[in-house]
Amino acid sequence: MVTARALVVAAPSSGSGKTTVSTGLMAALRRRGTRVAPFKVGPDYIDPGYHTLAAGRPGRNLDVVLQGADRLAPLARHGSRDADVAVVEGVMGLFDGRIPDGSGSTAQVAAALGAPVVLVVDVRGQSRSLAALLHGFRSFDPSVTVAGVILNRVGSARHEEVLRAAADEIGLPVLGAVPRRAELAVPSRHLGLVTAAEHGAAATAAVDAMAGLVAAHVDLDAVLALARPLPDGPLWDPHAEIAAALAVRDAARPVGVASGVARPVGAVPGAVPPVGGVPGAARPVAADPGCARPATAVPGPRRPVVAVAGGPAFGFGYAEHVELLAAAGAQVVVVDPLRDPDLPDGTSALVLPGGFPEEHVGALGENRSLRAAVARLAGSGAPVHAECGGLLYLCRELDGTPMCGVLDASAAMTDRLTLGYRDAVAVSASPLFDAGARVGAHEFHRCAVTPRAGAEPAWAWRGGEPEGHVAGGVHASFLHTHPAGNPDAVARLVAGA
């Protein structure tokens, strides 16, 4: 049973300080003994890494486009089991979402969860105008409750006094006033913040500093008092999702032809360690991701070994992916391409999530034995699913450094940012998708891969060129998908394994 309450931390625009306040709030509440379930609106992988450090449990995403609106509340309940409060960090401005309809906005998620919004406002350069800004955000959409404001980057005691008076004019409570503190900045680069897995001890220190700042300048009791219970309803269940996907596929098969997926053994209790290699995450993931028992101790049919790349170079994984793989019958083992010389024994499928391989290209190139093992596995026809950074790793070379050579293509960094949601259609049948399958996906990179020699395209969408590579058992693309929105693809991968 989920009894957690929820609140959303949002802002008028990007760069207002949402991540600092959200992460600091999670960590400060945890220090007081509050069990916090951390969430991020949208497809972002980086902020949830810091949320994981702050809350001590996996940061999860809530994304209307990638998961579907009907899954938002069940996923929130699933991620909030045994928690006291769910803290949801928004994305961009409160009402900003997919252009032009705004779908996927923080406001849409807040409304779906019935969660009040705490607005973080960068107050530099304004005083009484704050009242007009708050009035506009509070009255714009009646389905969204803006319940309080945290003043960020306050310049002085006098500045704070004027701002509090402005908020009082419209009757919105000020929950905190955070001063300007440049030393809390976390290093960033071409695609945003440096990941928590790469930042190591410095990431932990940054989270500690955020917690101290929020605890000193935000009324934690007042914030908690605003939180409202999550709506009643079922929890998202990876076993039920896989069972439903199998039922649909079996109904479409000729009589007597089985799906080939080992049915799940038991439930999946507890939190799942993130795949991305955030400090403290376990590397082997047992069949029961919430415990440390080896998968071989779990009775039942043989569980195919699915290797999932993690560590600093491949940190872009969703917790639900591991849960679905395990529910579909896989024994999931994390492999770090920066340090592991070989794939796990018995590997029969490989998942290469996104990340920043371009930042670790030298070490990836030097690990010749693992590159050769990946090439052998792909050459055997085993399922290999690669997204964005994983695609780069499968290429012949990345910025001139040898990679796995599974795809006869060259990858290189460029100055052009490619960014946005895609309504994608599978162009070619693959181990994950039937031709014609439709998915919501997200693209975010500064790389180019050329050519597509020896492979069929993976995806197409309106206004875009065919993209990705399908060859044998390999499905590689720049597009990120969320497995909770595509459980059938996970079931198919395990079936192929």
Protein backbone atom coordinates (compact mmCIF):
# COMPACT_ATOMS: atom_id res chain seq x y z
CA MET A 1 0.00 0.00 0.00
CA VAL A 2 1.29 3.46 -0.90
CA THR A 3 0.63 6.19 1.65
CA ALA A 4 3.14 8.73 0.35
CA ARG A 5 2.23 12.32 -0.21
CA ALA A 6 3.65 14.30 -3.11
CA LEU A 7 4.73 17.77 -4.09
CA VAL A 8 6.26 19.23 -7.24
CA VAL A 9 9.18 21.64 -7.36
CA ALA A 10 8.86 23.82 -10.47
CA ALA A 11 10.02 27.19 -11.77
CA PRO A 12 9.06 29.91 -14.25
CA SER A 13 11.96 28.92 -16.52
CA SER A 14 15.08 26.82 -16.84
CA GLY A 15 18.06 28.03 -14.86
CA SER A 16 16.00 29.16 -11.88
CA GLY A 17 17.61 26.71 -9.46
CA LYS A 18 15.13 23.81 -9.50
CA THR A 19 17.81 21.13 -9.33
CA THR A 20 19.67 22.76 -6.43
CA VAL A 21 16.48 23.26 -4.42
CA SER A 22 14.94 19.88 -5.31
CA THR A 23 18.08 17.89 -4.60
CA GLY A 24 18.80 19.87 -1.45
CA LEU A 25 15.23 19.38 -0.28
CA MET A 26 15.42 15.61 -0.84
CA ALA A 27 18.69 15.32 1.06
CA ALA A 28 17.66 17.67 3.88
CA LEU A 29 14.42 15.77 4.45
CA ARG A 30 16.26 12.44 4.41
CA ARG A 31 18.66 13.73 7.06
CA ARG A 32 15.65 14.35 9.30
CA GLY A 33 14.47 10.78 8.88
CA THR A 34 11.87 11.42 6.19
CA ARG A 35 11.73 8.69 3.54
CA VAL A 36 11.86 10.51 0.21
CA ALA A 37 10.94 9.10 -3.20
CA PRO A 38 12.70 11.19 -5.87
CA PHE A 39 11.28 11.89 -9.33
CA LYS A 40 12.14 14.01 -12.37
CA VAL A 41 9.69 15.22 -15.00
CA GLY A 42 10.80 14.45 -18.56
CA PRO A 43 13.42 12.17 -20.09
CA ASP A 44 16.48 13.62 -18.31
CA TYR A 45 18.94 11.06 -16.92
CA ILE A 46 21.39 13.37 -15.16
CA ASP A 47 19.30 14.99 -12.43
CA PRO A 48 17.98 11.61 -11.20
CA GLY A 49 21.58 10.58 -10.52
CA TYR A 50 21.91 13.42 -8.03
CA HIS A 51 18.43 12.62 -6.68
CA THR A 52 19.61 9.07 -6.03
CA LEU A 53 22.50 10.33 -3.93
CA ALA A 54 20.20 12.73 -2.07
CA ALA A 55 17.33 10.35 -1.31
CA GLY A 56 19.16 7.04 -1.04
CA ARG A 57 16.81 5.31 -3.49
CA PRO A 58 16.63 5.31 -7.29
CA GLY A 59 15.63 8.56 -8.97
CA ARG A 60 12.83 7.90 -11.44
CA ASN A 61 11.28 9.78 -14.34
CA LEU A 62 7.69 10.76 -15.11
CA ASP A 63 7.25 11.47 -18.81
CA VAL A 64 3.89 11.72 -20.57
CA VAL A 65 5.38 11.34 -24.06
CA LEU A 66 7.65 8.36 -23.35
CA GLN A 67 5.49 6.48 -20.83
CA GLY A 68 1.93 7.54 -21.58
CA ALA A 69 -0.33 9.68 -19.42
CA ASP A 70 -2.15 6.67 -17.97
CA ARG A 71 1.08 5.33 -16.46
CA LEU A 72 2.11 8.50 -14.58
CA ALA A 73 0.20 7.89 -11.35
CA PRO A 74 0.90 4.11 -11.26
CA LEU A 75 4.63 4.75 -11.81
CA ALA A 76 4.62 7.40 -9.08
CA ARG A 77 2.94 5.00 -6.68
CA HIS A 78 5.39 2.24 -7.64
CA GLY A 79 8.38 4.48 -7.00
CA SER A 80 6.91 5.77 -3.72
CA ARG A 81 6.40 2.45 -1.96
CA ASP A 82 7.53 2.69 1.68
CA ALA A 83 8.18 6.43 1.27
CA ASP A 84 6.73 9.32 3.26
CA VAL A 85 6.86 11.93 0.52
CA ALA A 86 7.50 12.01 -3.21
CA VAL A 87 9.46 15.06 -4.34
CA VAL A 88 9.08 15.66 -8.09
CA GLU A 89 11.52 18.01 -9.81
CA GLY A 90 9.98 19.70 -12.82
CA VAL A 91 11.46 20.41 -16.23
CA MET A 92 12.00 23.84 -17.85
CA GLY A 93 9.21 26.28 -16.91
CA LEU A 94 6.08 25.01 -15.17
CA PHE A 95 3.93 25.10 -18.32
CA ASP A 96 6.68 24.32 -20.84
CA GLY A 97 6.39 21.02 -22.66
CA ARG A 98 6.40 19.63 -26.10
CA ILE A 99 6.01 22.25 -28.80
CA PRO A 100 3.35 23.27 -29.75
CA ASP A 101 0.83 21.57 -27.43
CA GLY A 102 2.79 21.66 -24.17
CA SER A 103 2.27 17.94 -23.51
CA GLY A 104 4.71 16.49 -21.03
CA SER A 105 4.92 19.70 -19.02
CA THR A 106 5.49 19.81 -15.28
CA ALA A 107 1.99 21.25 -14.92
CA GLN A 108 0.49 18.20 -16.65
CA VAL A 109 2.34 15.84 -14.31
CA ALA A 110 1.36 17.86 -11.24
CA ALA A 111 -2.30 17.77 -12.28
CA ALA A 112 -2.16 14.00 -12.91
CA LEU A 113 -0.74 13.42 -9.43
CA GLY A 114 -2.93 15.98 -7.69
CA ALA A 115 0.29 17.38 -6.27
CA PRO A 116 0.76 21.01 -5.22
CA VAL A 117 3.53 23.03 -6.82
CA VAL A 118 6.29 24.87 -4.99
CA LEU A 119 7.61 27.52 -7.37
CA VAL A 120 11.35 28.30 -7.26
CA VAL A 121 11.90 31.84 -8.54
CA ASP A 122 15.25 33.37 -9.43
CA VAL A 123 14.61 36.79 -7.93
CA ARG A 124 17.68 38.59 -9.20
CA GLY A 125 16.74 41.95 -10.67
CA GLN A 126 13.17 42.10 -9.40
CA SER A 127 11.20 43.24 -6.35
CA ARG A 128 7.43 43.97 -6.39
CA SER A 129 7.16 42.54 -9.92
CA LEU A 130 7.38 39.17 -8.17
CA ALA A 131 3.72 39.61 -7.18
CA ALA A 132 2.63 39.84 -10.83
CA LEU A 133 4.72 36.83 -11.80
CA LEU A 134 3.30 34.70 -8.97
CA HIS A 135 -0.25 35.86 -9.71
CA GLY A 136 0.12 34.84 -13.34
CA PHE A 137 1.50 31.39 -12.61
CA ARG A 138 -1.07 30.71 -9.90
CA SER A 139 -4.08 31.70 -12.03
CA PHE A 140 -3.02 30.47 -15.48
CA ASP A 141 -4.28 26.88 -15.17
CA PRO A 142 -6.99 26.03 -12.61
CA SER A 143 -5.99 22.33 -12.65
CA VAL A 144 -2.61 23.24 -11.12
CA THR A 145 -2.22 24.43 -7.54
CA VAL A 146 0.75 26.73 -6.97
CA ALA A 147 0.89 26.49 -3.17
CA GLY A 148 4.07 28.33 -2.22
CA VAL A 149 7.25 29.97 -3.41
CA ILE A 150 10.94 29.60 -2.62
CA LEU A 151 12.91 32.74 -3.35
CA ASN A 152 16.25 31.82 -4.90
CA ARG A 153 19.41 33.90 -5.27
CA VAL A 154 18.28 36.58 -2.85
CA GLY A 155 20.74 39.47 -2.74
CA SER A 156 20.32 40.88 0.79
CA ALA A 157 18.10 41.04 3.86
CA ARG A 158 16.38 44.13 2.43
CA HIS A 159 15.83 42.37 -0.89
CA GLU A 160 14.21 39.45 0.93
CA GLU A 161 11.95 41.79 2.90
CA VAL A 162 10.64 43.47 -0.26
CA LEU A 163 10.07 40.12 -1.98
CA ARG A 164 8.18 38.68 0.98
CA ALA A 165 5.93 41.73 0.96
CA ALA A 166 5.26 41.22 -2.75
CA ALA A 167 4.28 37.57 -2.17
CA ASP A 168 2.03 38.65 0.71
CA GLU A 169 0.15 40.96 -1.65
CA ILE A 170 -1.30 37.96 -3.47
CA GLY A 171 -1.46 35.67 -0.45
CA LEU A 172 1.16 33.12 -1.51
CA PRO A 173 3.36 31.83 1.33
CA VAL A 174 7.12 32.19 1.09
CA LEU A 175 8.63 28.85 2.14
CA GLY A 176 12.24 29.95 2.04
CA ALA A 177 14.73 32.52 0.84
CA VAL A 178 17.98 31.08 -0.50
CA PRO A 179 20.94 33.45 -0.89
CA ARG A 180 23.27 33.53 -3.86
CA ARG A 181 25.90 30.83 -3.49
CA ALA A 182 28.04 30.41 -6.62
CA GLU A 183 30.20 27.73 -5.00
CA LEU A 184 27.32 25.22 -5.30
CA ALA A 185 27.66 25.11 -9.06
CA VAL A 186 28.08 21.56 -10.42
CA PRO A 187 30.39 21.19 -13.44
CA SER A 188 28.60 21.13 -16.78
CA ARG A 189 29.50 20.45 -20.40
CA HIS A 190 27.98 20.16 -23.86
CA LEU A 191 24.82 18.26 -22.82
CA GLY A 192 24.29 19.59 -19.29
CA LEU A 193 25.63 18.71 -15.86
CA VAL A 194 28.42 16.21 -15.39
CA THR A 195 26.75 12.98 -14.22
CA ALA A 196 26.87 11.96 -10.59
CA ALA A 197 28.63 8.71 -11.54
CA GLU A 198 31.45 10.66 -13.20
CA HIS A 199 31.62 13.40 -10.58
CA GLY A 200 32.22 10.84 -7.81
CA ALA A 201 33.04 12.23 -4.37
CA ALA A 202 32.56 15.76 -5.67
CA ALA A 203 28.93 14.89 -6.52
CA THR A 204 28.35 13.68 -2.97
CA ALA A 205 29.93 16.86 -1.62
CA ALA A 206 27.72 18.97 -3.90
CA VAL A 207 24.58 17.17 -2.69
CA ASP A 208 25.67 17.68 0.91
CA ALA A 209 26.16 21.39 0.24
CA MET A 210 22.72 21.64 -1.38
CA ALA A 211 21.18 19.91 1.63
CA GLY A 212 22.87 22.29 4.03
CA LEU A 213 21.80 25.33 2.05
CA VAL A 214 18.15 24.25 1.85
CA ALA A 215 18.01 23.17 5.49
CA ALA A 216 19.34 26.57 6.58
CA HIS A 217 17.07 28.72 4.41
CA VAL A 218 13.87 26.75 3.70
CA ASP A 219 11.09 25.90 6.17
CA LEU A 220 11.06 22.13 5.74
CA ASP A 221 8.00 21.65 7.95
CA ALA A 222 6.02 24.17 5.89
CA VAL A 223 7.04 22.44 2.66
CA LEU A 224 6.04 19.01 3.98
CA ALA A 225 2.71 20.37 5.19
CA LEU A 226 1.81 21.30 1.60
CA ALA A 227 2.28 17.77 0.24
CA ARG A 228 -0.89 15.89 -0.70
CA PRO A 229 -1.54 12.12 -0.91
CA LEU A 230 -0.95 10.46 -4.24
CA PRO A 231 -4.21 9.47 -5.94
CA ASP A 232 -5.54 6.01 -5.08
CA GLY A 233 -5.10 3.29 -7.65
CA PRO A 234 -2.90 0.37 -8.67
CA LEU A 235 0.87 0.45 -8.64
CA TRP A 236 2.80 0.02 -11.85
CA ASP A 237 3.79 -3.66 -11.88
CA PRO A 238 6.60 -4.89 -14.17
CA HIS A 239 5.27 -8.46 -14.02
CA ALA A 240 1.79 -7.36 -15.04
CA GLU A 241 3.22 -5.23 -17.86
CA ILE A 242 5.24 -8.15 -19.21
CA ALA A 243 2.30 -10.54 -18.83
CA ALA A 244 0.05 -8.16 -20.75
CA ALA A 245 2.64 -7.76 -23.50
CA LEU A 246 3.01 -11.53 -23.77
CA ALA A 247 -0.75 -12.01 -23.88
CA VAL A 248 -1.05 -9.61 -26.80
CA ARG A 249 1.79 -11.30 -28.67
CA ASP A 250 0.54 -14.83 -27.96
CA ALA A 251 -2.94 -13.87 -29.18
CA ALA A 252 -1.41 -12.89 -32.50
CA ARG A 253 0.63 -16.08 -32.89
CA PRO A 254 -0.48 -19.27 -34.63
CA VAL A 255 -1.93 -21.87 -32.27
CA GLY A 256 0.78 -23.88 -30.53
CA VAL A 257 3.56 -21.32 -30.95
CA ALA A 258 4.78 -20.03 -27.60
CA SER A 259 6.32 -16.63 -26.95
CA GLY A 260 9.55 -18.15 -25.67
CA VAL A 261 9.90 -15.79 -22.71
CA ALA A 262 10.63 -17.41 -19.35
CA ARG A 263 7.77 -16.45 -17.07
CA PRO A 264 8.74 -14.34 -14.04
CA VAL A 265 9.50 -16.03 -10.75
CA GLY A 266 8.00 -14.17 -7.79
CA ALA A 267 7.50 -10.48 -7.21
CA VAL A 268 10.09 -7.74 -7.41
CA PRO A 269 10.15 -6.07 -3.99
CA GLY A 270 12.13 -3.03 -2.99
CA ALA A 271 14.12 -0.51 -4.94
CA VAL A 272 16.27 -1.36 -7.93
CA PRO A 273 19.84 -0.10 -8.16
CA PRO A 274 20.23 2.31 -11.08
CA VAL A 275 22.09 0.98 -14.07
CA GLY A 276 24.15 4.12 -14.44
CA GLY A 277 26.82 3.30 -11.90
CA VAL A 278 25.93 5.98 -9.36
CA PRO A 279 28.14 5.47 -6.29
CA GLY A 280 26.56 2.91 -4.01
CA ALA A 281 24.74 1.01 -6.74
CA ALA A 282 25.28 -2.72 -6.88
CA ARG A 283 26.79 -3.96 -10.11
CA PRO A 284 25.31 -7.47 -10.36
CA VAL A 285 21.51 -7.34 -10.41
CA ALA A 286 19.88 -10.52 -9.21
CA ALA A 287 16.60 -11.91 -10.48
CA ASP A 288 15.04 -10.27 -7.46
CA PRO A 289 16.51 -6.75 -7.85
CA GLY A 290 15.64 -5.81 -4.29
CA CYS A 291 17.92 -8.40 -2.69
CA ALA A 292 21.46 -9.68 -2.92
CA ARG A 293 20.69 -13.36 -3.57
CA PRO A 294 22.44 -14.70 -6.67
CA ALA A 295 20.07 -15.40 -9.51
CA THR A 296 21.14 -19.06 -9.54
CA ALA A 297 19.47 -19.46 -6.13
CA VAL A 298 16.06 -18.64 -7.56
CA PRO A 299 14.18 -21.78 -8.61
CA GLY A 300 12.50 -22.01 -11.95
CA PRO A 301 13.48 -22.09 -15.64
CA ARG A 302 16.91 -21.04 -16.80
CA ARG A 303 17.16 -17.27 -16.78
CA PRO A 304 19.05 -15.87 -19.78
CA VAL A 305 21.85 -13.48 -18.85
CA VAL A 306 21.27 -9.97 -20.16
CA ALA A 307 24.29 -7.69 -19.75
CA VAL A 308 23.53 -3.99 -19.27
CA ALA A 309 26.33 -1.47 -19.73
CA GLY A 310 26.76 0.97 -16.86
CA GLY A 311 29.46 2.94 -15.11
CA PRO A 312 30.60 6.49 -15.85
CA ALA A 313 30.45 6.15 -19.65
CA PHE A 314 26.97 4.63 -19.90
CA GLY A 315 24.93 6.15 -17.10
CA PHE A 316 21.67 6.81 -18.95
CA GLY A 317 19.47 3.98 -17.76
CA TYR A 318 16.00 3.89 -16.23
CA ALA A 319 15.36 1.81 -13.08
CA GLU A 320 12.22 0.34 -14.65
CA HIS A 321 14.32 -1.23 -17.41
CA VAL A 322 16.06 -3.58 -15.00
CA GLU A 323 12.75 -4.37 -13.33
CA LEU A 324 11.10 -5.26 -16.63
CA LEU A 325 14.04 -7.36 -17.79
CA ALA A 326 13.93 -9.33 -14.54
CA ALA A 327 10.15 -9.68 -14.78
CA ALA A 328 10.53 -11.04 -18.31
CA GLY A 329 12.79 -13.79 -16.98
CA ALA A 330 16.29 -12.35 -17.39
CA GLN A 331 19.22 -12.42 -15.02
CA VAL A 332 20.52 -8.87 -15.34
CA VAL A 333 24.22 -8.17 -14.81
CA VAL A 334 25.79 -4.72 -15.11
CA VAL A 335 29.05 -4.48 -17.05
CA ASP A 336 31.34 -1.43 -17.00
CA PRO A 337 33.03 -0.99 -20.41
CA LEU A 338 35.72 1.16 -18.78
CA ARG A 339 37.04 -1.61 -16.55
CA ASP A 340 35.50 -5.02 -17.24
CA PRO A 341 37.62 -7.13 -19.65
CA ASP A 342 34.76 -9.38 -20.78
CA LEU A 343 31.01 -9.77 -20.85
CA PRO A 344 29.45 -11.74 -17.97
CA ASP A 345 29.57 -15.51 -18.35
CA GLY A 346 26.69 -16.80 -20.43
CA THR A 347 25.65 -13.41 -21.80
CA SER A 348 22.95 -13.93 -24.42
CA ALA A 349 21.80 -10.32 -24.91
CA LEU A 350 23.30 -6.88 -24.40
CA VAL A 351 21.78 -3.49 -23.60
CA LEU A 352 23.95 -0.42 -24.26
CA PRO A 353 22.19 2.66 -22.87
CA GLY A 354 23.13 6.24 -23.50
CA GLY A 355 25.80 8.16 -21.68
CA PHE A 356 28.97 10.06 -22.45
CA PRO A 357 31.31 7.64 -24.22
CA GLU A 358 32.86 10.62 -26.01
CA GLU A 359 34.21 11.78 -22.63
CA HIS A 360 35.86 8.39 -22.02
CA VAL A 361 36.83 7.48 -25.55
CA GLY A 362 40.47 6.73 -24.73
CA ALA A 363 39.67 4.23 -21.98
CA LEU A 364 36.94 2.62 -24.06
CA GLY A 365 39.33 2.19 -26.95
CA GLU A 366 42.01 0.68 -24.73
CA ASN A 367 39.64 -2.01 -23.46
CA ARG A 368 40.20 -4.16 -26.53
CA SER A 369 39.07 -7.42 -24.95
CA LEU A 370 35.59 -6.15 -24.12
CA ARG A 371 35.24 -4.50 -27.53
CA ALA A 372 36.06 -7.85 -29.11
CA ALA A 373 33.58 -9.65 -26.86
CA VAL A 374 30.80 -7.24 -27.85
CA ALA A 375 31.64 -7.77 -31.52
CA ARG A 376 31.52 -11.55 -31.09
CA LEU A 377 28.17 -11.41 -29.33
CA ALA A 378 26.67 -9.19 -32.02
CA GLY A 379 28.15 -11.41 -34.71
CA SER A 380 26.40 -14.42 -33.20
CA GLY A 381 23.01 -12.81 -33.85
CA ALA A 382 22.22 -12.26 -30.16
CA PRO A 383 19.96 -9.29 -29.39
CA VAL A 384 21.90 -6.06 -28.89
CA HIS A 385 19.95 -2.91 -28.03
CA ALA A 386 21.93 0.34 -28.20
CA GLU A 387 20.67 3.88 -27.63
CA CYS A 388 22.62 7.07 -28.40
CA GLY A 389 25.92 6.56 -26.55
CA GLY A 390 25.51 2.83 -27.06
CA LEU A 391 25.20 3.44 -30.79
CA LEU A 392 28.51 5.31 -30.77
CA TYR A 393 30.21 2.41 -28.96
CA LEU A 394 29.08 -0.05 -31.64
CA CYS A 395 30.59 2.01 -34.46
CA ARG A 396 33.91 1.32 -36.12
CA GLU A 397 35.40 4.42 -34.49
CA LEU A 398 34.46 7.41 -32.35
CA ASP A 399 36.41 10.59 -33.05
CA GLY A 400 39.15 8.45 -34.58
CA THR A 401 39.45 6.00 -31.69
CA PRO A 402 38.58 2.35 -32.44
CA MET A 403 35.30 1.13 -30.94
CA CYS A 404 33.56 -2.25 -31.27
CA GLY A 405 33.23 -2.27 -35.07
CA VAL A 406 29.82 -3.93 -34.99
CA LEU A 407 28.49 -1.24 -37.33
CA ASP A 408 30.50 -0.25 -40.40
CA ALA A 409 30.12 3.43 -39.56
CA SER A 410 32.11 6.26 -38.07
CA ALA A 411 30.90 8.44 -35.18
CA ALA A 412 32.09 11.96 -34.51
CA MET A 413 31.20 14.88 -32.26
CA THR A 414 29.79 17.94 -34.00
CA ASP A 415 28.80 21.51 -33.06
CA ARG A 416 25.13 20.86 -33.82
CA LEU A 417 22.70 20.00 -31.02
CA THR A 418 19.88 17.65 -32.00
CA LEU A 419 17.10 17.78 -29.44
CA GLY A 420 13.42 16.93 -29.18
CA TYR A 421 10.66 14.38 -28.81
CA ARG A 422 9.92 12.14 -31.78
CA ASP A 423 6.79 10.24 -32.76
CA ALA A 424 8.78 7.44 -34.34
CA VAL A 425 7.74 4.49 -36.49
CA ALA A 426 9.88 1.36 -36.76
CA VAL A 427 11.00 1.10 -40.36
CA SER A 428 12.57 -2.36 -40.10
CA ALA A 429 11.69 -5.41 -38.04
CA SER A 430 14.18 -6.06 -35.25
CA PRO A 431 14.57 -8.15 -32.09
CA LEU A 432 12.73 -5.37 -30.23
CA PHE A 433 10.09 -3.96 -32.58
CA ASP A 434 7.90 -5.11 -35.42
CA ALA A 435 8.01 -2.99 -38.54
CA GLY A 436 5.33 -0.35 -38.21
CA ALA A 437 5.47 -0.17 -34.41
CA ARG A 438 4.99 3.36 -33.08
CA VAL A 439 6.81 4.78 -30.05
CA GLY A 440 7.32 8.05 -28.26
CA ALA A 441 11.05 8.76 -28.14
CA HIS A 442 13.54 11.50 -27.33
CA GLU A 443 16.71 12.61 -29.09
CA PHE A 444 19.49 14.62 -27.43
CA HIS A 445 23.04 14.59 -28.83
CA ARG A 446 25.77 16.43 -30.67
CA CYS A 447 27.04 13.50 -32.70
CA ALA A 448 26.86 12.25 -36.26
CA VAL A 449 27.13 8.65 -37.47
CA THR A 450 27.90 7.92 -41.13
CA PRO A 451 27.11 5.96 -43.21
CA ARG A 452 24.47 3.27 -42.66
CA ALA A 453 26.38 0.70 -44.68
CA GLY A 454 25.20 -2.89 -44.28
CA ALA A 455 22.20 -1.98 -42.11
CA GLU A 456 18.55 -1.05 -42.48
CA PRO A 457 17.18 2.11 -40.82
CA ALA A 458 15.59 1.69 -37.42
CA TRP A 459 13.19 4.65 -37.27
CA ALA A 460 11.44 7.31 -39.28
CA TRP A 461 9.23 10.23 -38.26
CA ARG A 462 7.45 13.12 -39.90
CA GLY A 463 9.92 15.79 -40.96
CA GLY A 464 13.01 13.67 -40.30
CA GLU A 465 15.33 11.43 -42.26
CA PRO A 466 15.35 7.67 -41.55
CA GLU A 467 17.63 7.06 -38.56
CA GLY A 468 19.37 4.24 -36.75
CA HIS A 469 20.72 0.83 -37.69
CA VAL A 470 19.09 -2.62 -37.74
CA ALA A 471 21.39 -5.48 -38.72
CA GLY A 472 21.00 -9.08 -37.55
CA GLY A 473 20.19 -8.91 -33.86
CA VAL A 474 21.37 -5.32 -33.50
CA HIS A 475 18.99 -2.40 -32.97
CA ALA A 476 21.00 0.81 -32.57
CA SER A 477 19.72 4.38 -32.72
CA PHE A 478 20.11 7.89 -31.36
CA LEU A 479 16.56 7.73 -30.01
CA HIS A 480 15.96 7.12 -26.32
CA THR A 481 12.80 5.21 -25.42
CA HIS A 482 11.43 4.46 -21.96
CA PRO A 483 10.94 0.73 -21.30
CA ALA A 484 7.85 1.38 -19.17
CA GLY A 485 6.22 2.74 -22.31
CA ASN A 486 7.39 -0.24 -24.39
CA PRO A 487 7.24 -3.41 -22.28
CA ASP A 488 6.73 -5.51 -25.40
CA ALA A 489 10.22 -4.54 -26.61
CA VAL A 490 11.71 -5.79 -23.34
CA ALA A 491 9.79 -9.06 -23.57
CA ARG A 492 11.00 -9.54 -27.15
CA LEU A 493 14.63 -8.92 -26.21
CA VAL A 494 14.49 -11.53 -23.44
CA ALA A 495 12.73 -13.95 -25.78
CA GLY A 496 15.56 -13.48 -28.27
CA ALA A 497 18.07 -14.14 -25.49
